Amino acid sequence: MVELSSVLRLDLRRKTHGALIEKCRAEQRLVIGDGLTVRLTGAVGSPQVVVKDLIDVAGLVTTGGSAALMDAEPAVADAPIVARLRAIGAAVVGKAALHELGRGTSGINAWSGTPRNPLDPTLVPGGSSSGSAVAVAVGAADFALGTDTGGSIRIPAACCGVAYLMTGGN
């Protein structure tokens, strides 16, 4: 079991997340253990993706890692990149923790939790796409989506020992 409670933000009290968990259980993609310990197993041949919690996933609240947005309505549609990934068979396995509102380079978030750096838990994971980098580094997903305006993908990738790819434009 991989401790992902601060990497993937699945709040078991929210009905929308409860529905996602039940769907994942039915597809044998997510097994709930004690507390928020989860083991991601994934469908054979289906690429597993974690989505930074600044990017909309239909049916889930996009909190931006901020308590101010925790009661927002769930997204009614996937962001275009998520829709494109689903169209080619990718499975969204969760939303990733981040530095609040994507505005920091440490990845520390007192509200939603700070993912542990898999290389050295005494170090920060980097941010703002901290949960995205950690999820890939611990094998919880094949790849992750993040955002980058000032190093938000590059910094956590370097801190967690994973590669990153930044594409340009549309």
Protein backbone atom coordinates (compact mmCIF):
# COMPACT_ATOMS: atom_id res chain seq x y z
CA MET A 1 0.00 0.00 0.00
CA VAL A 2 1.21 3.49 -0.85
CA GLU A 3 0.27 6.33 1.49
CA LEU A 4 -1.33 8.86 -0.81
CA SER A 5 -3.57 10.77 1.57
CA SER A 6 -1.83 14.05 0.87
CA VAL A 7 -1.05 13.30 -2.75
CA LEU A 8 -4.50 12.46 -4.05
CA ARG A 9 -7.19 14.52 -2.39
CA LEU A 10 -10.15 12.15 -2.13
CA ASP A 11 -12.45 13.42 0.61
CA LEU A 12 -14.61 10.46 1.58
CA ARG A 13 -17.24 12.78 3.08
CA ARG A 14 -18.04 14.42 -0.26
CA LYS A 15 -20.73 12.65 -2.25
CA THR A 16 -18.98 13.37 -5.55
CA HIS A 17 -15.82 11.67 -4.35
CA GLY A 18 -17.81 8.80 -2.90
CA ALA A 19 -19.28 8.19 -6.35
CA LEU A 20 -15.82 8.28 -7.90
CA ILE A 21 -14.54 5.81 -5.33
CA GLU A 22 -17.43 3.42 -5.99
CA LYS A 23 -16.85 3.68 -9.76
CA CYS A 24 -13.15 2.98 -9.29
CA ARG A 25 -13.88 0.04 -6.99
CA ALA A 26 -16.22 -1.40 -9.60
CA GLU A 27 -13.48 -1.04 -12.21
CA GLN A 28 -10.94 -2.45 -9.71
CA ARG A 29 -8.85 0.69 -10.04
CA LEU A 30 -8.94 1.91 -6.44
CA VAL A 31 -8.95 0.01 -3.19
CA ILE A 32 -9.62 1.86 0.06
CA GLY A 33 -7.64 0.68 3.03
CA ASP A 34 -7.38 2.21 6.48
CA GLY A 35 -8.12 5.94 6.51
CA LEU A 36 -7.17 7.42 3.15
CA THR A 37 -4.52 4.84 2.29
CA VAL A 38 -5.18 3.77 -1.26
CA ARG A 39 -3.68 1.34 -3.70
CA LEU A 40 -4.07 2.15 -7.35
CA THR A 41 -4.15 -0.90 -9.56
CA GLY A 42 -5.43 0.36 -12.91
CA ALA A 43 -6.96 -1.50 -15.80
CA VAL A 44 -4.48 -3.46 -17.89
CA GLY A 45 -3.26 -1.31 -20.76
CA SER A 46 -5.04 1.80 -19.55
CA PRO A 47 -2.66 4.69 -18.85
CA GLN A 48 -3.24 6.06 -15.36
CA VAL A 49 -3.19 9.86 -14.95
CA VAL A 50 -3.37 12.09 -11.90
CA VAL A 51 -4.72 15.60 -12.49
CA LYS A 52 -3.51 18.67 -10.60
CA ASP A 53 -6.36 20.16 -8.60
CA LEU A 54 -6.30 23.33 -10.71
CA ILE A 55 -7.64 21.42 -13.73
CA ASP A 56 -11.32 20.48 -14.03
CA VAL A 57 -12.40 16.84 -13.91
CA ALA A 58 -16.12 16.34 -14.50
CA GLY A 59 -17.97 15.57 -11.29
CA LEU A 60 -15.15 16.67 -8.99
CA VAL A 61 -14.63 19.97 -7.20
CA THR A 62 -11.58 21.90 -8.33
CA THR A 63 -10.29 23.40 -5.08
CA GLY A 64 -6.92 24.72 -6.18
CA GLY A 65 -5.67 23.43 -2.84
CA SER A 66 -7.57 26.20 -1.07
CA ALA A 67 -10.13 26.02 1.70
CA ALA A 68 -11.82 29.02 0.08
CA LEU A 69 -12.90 26.78 -2.84
CA MET A 70 -13.74 23.57 -0.98
CA ASP A 71 -17.50 24.13 -1.21
CA ALA A 72 -17.49 25.04 -4.91
CA GLU A 73 -19.75 23.10 -7.22
CA PRO A 74 -18.21 20.09 -8.98
CA ALA A 75 -17.00 20.69 -12.53
CA VAL A 76 -19.72 20.00 -15.09
CA ALA A 77 -17.22 18.98 -17.77
CA ASP A 78 -13.65 17.84 -18.11
CA ALA A 79 -11.03 20.41 -19.05
CA PRO A 80 -10.13 19.94 -22.74
CA ILE A 81 -6.86 18.14 -21.92
CA VAL A 82 -8.65 15.72 -19.59
CA ALA A 83 -11.33 15.06 -22.23
CA ARG A 84 -8.62 14.38 -24.84
CA LEU A 85 -6.82 11.98 -22.52
CA ARG A 86 -10.03 10.09 -21.73
CA ALA A 87 -10.81 9.90 -25.45
CA ILE A 88 -7.60 7.95 -26.01
CA GLY A 89 -8.29 5.63 -23.08
CA ALA A 90 -6.49 7.26 -20.14
CA ALA A 91 -8.03 6.71 -16.72
CA VAL A 92 -8.12 9.60 -14.25
CA VAL A 93 -7.24 8.07 -10.89
CA GLY A 94 -7.38 11.20 -8.75
CA LYS A 95 -6.67 14.87 -8.29
CA ALA A 96 -3.25 15.90 -7.05
CA ALA A 97 -2.40 18.14 -4.13
CA LEU A 98 -0.62 21.41 -4.86
CA HIS A 99 0.75 24.56 -3.31
CA GLU A 100 -2.33 26.67 -2.58
CA LEU A 101 -3.75 28.14 -5.78
CA GLY A 102 -0.55 27.18 -7.60
CA ARG A 103 1.26 30.15 -6.08
CA GLY A 104 4.41 28.77 -4.51
CA THR A 105 7.49 26.71 -5.15
CA SER A 106 7.72 24.59 -1.99
CA GLY A 107 4.60 22.45 -2.44
CA ILE A 108 3.68 23.00 1.22
CA ASN A 109 -0.07 23.23 1.82
CA ALA A 110 -1.38 23.35 5.39
CA TRP A 111 -5.01 22.90 4.29
CA SER A 112 -4.93 20.01 1.82
CA GLY A 113 -1.69 18.42 2.98
CA THR A 114 1.86 18.40 1.72
CA PRO A 115 2.94 15.37 -0.29
CA ARG A 116 6.09 13.75 1.07
CA ASN A 117 9.17 13.95 -1.09
CA PRO A 118 9.73 10.31 -2.10
CA LEU A 119 13.50 10.75 -2.31
CA ASP A 120 13.88 12.32 1.14
CA PRO A 121 10.87 12.98 3.40
CA THR A 122 12.79 15.72 5.21
CA LEU A 123 12.81 17.81 2.02
CA VAL A 124 9.94 19.64 0.33
CA PRO A 125 8.45 18.06 -2.80
CA GLY A 126 8.63 21.34 -4.71
CA GLY A 127 5.69 23.15 -6.16
CA SER A 128 3.34 24.05 -7.14
CA SER A 129 2.56 20.72 -8.89
CA SER A 130 3.83 18.78 -5.87
CA GLY A 131 1.20 16.03 -5.82
CA SER A 132 1.59 15.44 -9.56
CA ALA A 133 5.34 14.81 -9.25
CA VAL A 134 5.01 12.68 -6.11
CA ALA A 135 2.22 10.54 -7.63
CA VAL A 136 4.43 9.66 -10.59
CA ALA A 137 7.53 9.15 -8.42
CA VAL A 138 5.76 6.63 -6.15
CA GLY A 139 4.12 4.81 -9.06
CA ALA A 140 0.54 5.87 -8.31
CA ALA A 141 0.13 7.00 -11.90
CA ASP A 142 1.88 6.57 -15.21
CA PHE A 143 1.91 10.33 -15.69
CA ALA A 144 0.32 13.43 -14.23
CA LEU A 145 -0.99 16.75 -15.40
CA GLY A 146 0.34 19.94 -13.86
CA THR A 147 0.56 23.61 -14.67
CA ASP A 148 3.64 25.79 -14.93
CA THR A 149 3.87 29.56 -14.83
CA GLY A 150 7.11 29.94 -12.88
CA GLY A 151 8.61 26.49 -12.44
CA SER A 152 5.54 24.70 -11.08
CA ILE A 153 6.24 21.52 -13.03
CA ARG A 154 10.00 21.82 -13.35
CA ILE A 155 10.72 22.35 -9.64
CA PRO A 156 8.74 19.37 -8.25
CA ALA A 157 10.03 17.12 -11.04
CA ALA A 158 13.59 18.00 -10.05
CA CYS A 159 12.86 17.61 -6.33
CA CYS A 160 11.18 14.21 -6.79
CA GLY A 161 13.45 12.73 -9.46
CA VAL A 162 10.97 12.47 -12.31
CA ALA A 163 10.98 13.79 -15.87
CA TYR A 164 8.66 16.51 -17.09
CA LEU A 165 7.37 17.54 -20.47
CA MET A 166 6.11 21.02 -21.23
CA THR A 167 4.26 21.41 -24.48
CA GLY A 168 3.60 24.71 -26.18
CA GLY A 169 0.36 26.43 -27.04
CA ASN A 170 -2.79 24.65 -28.11
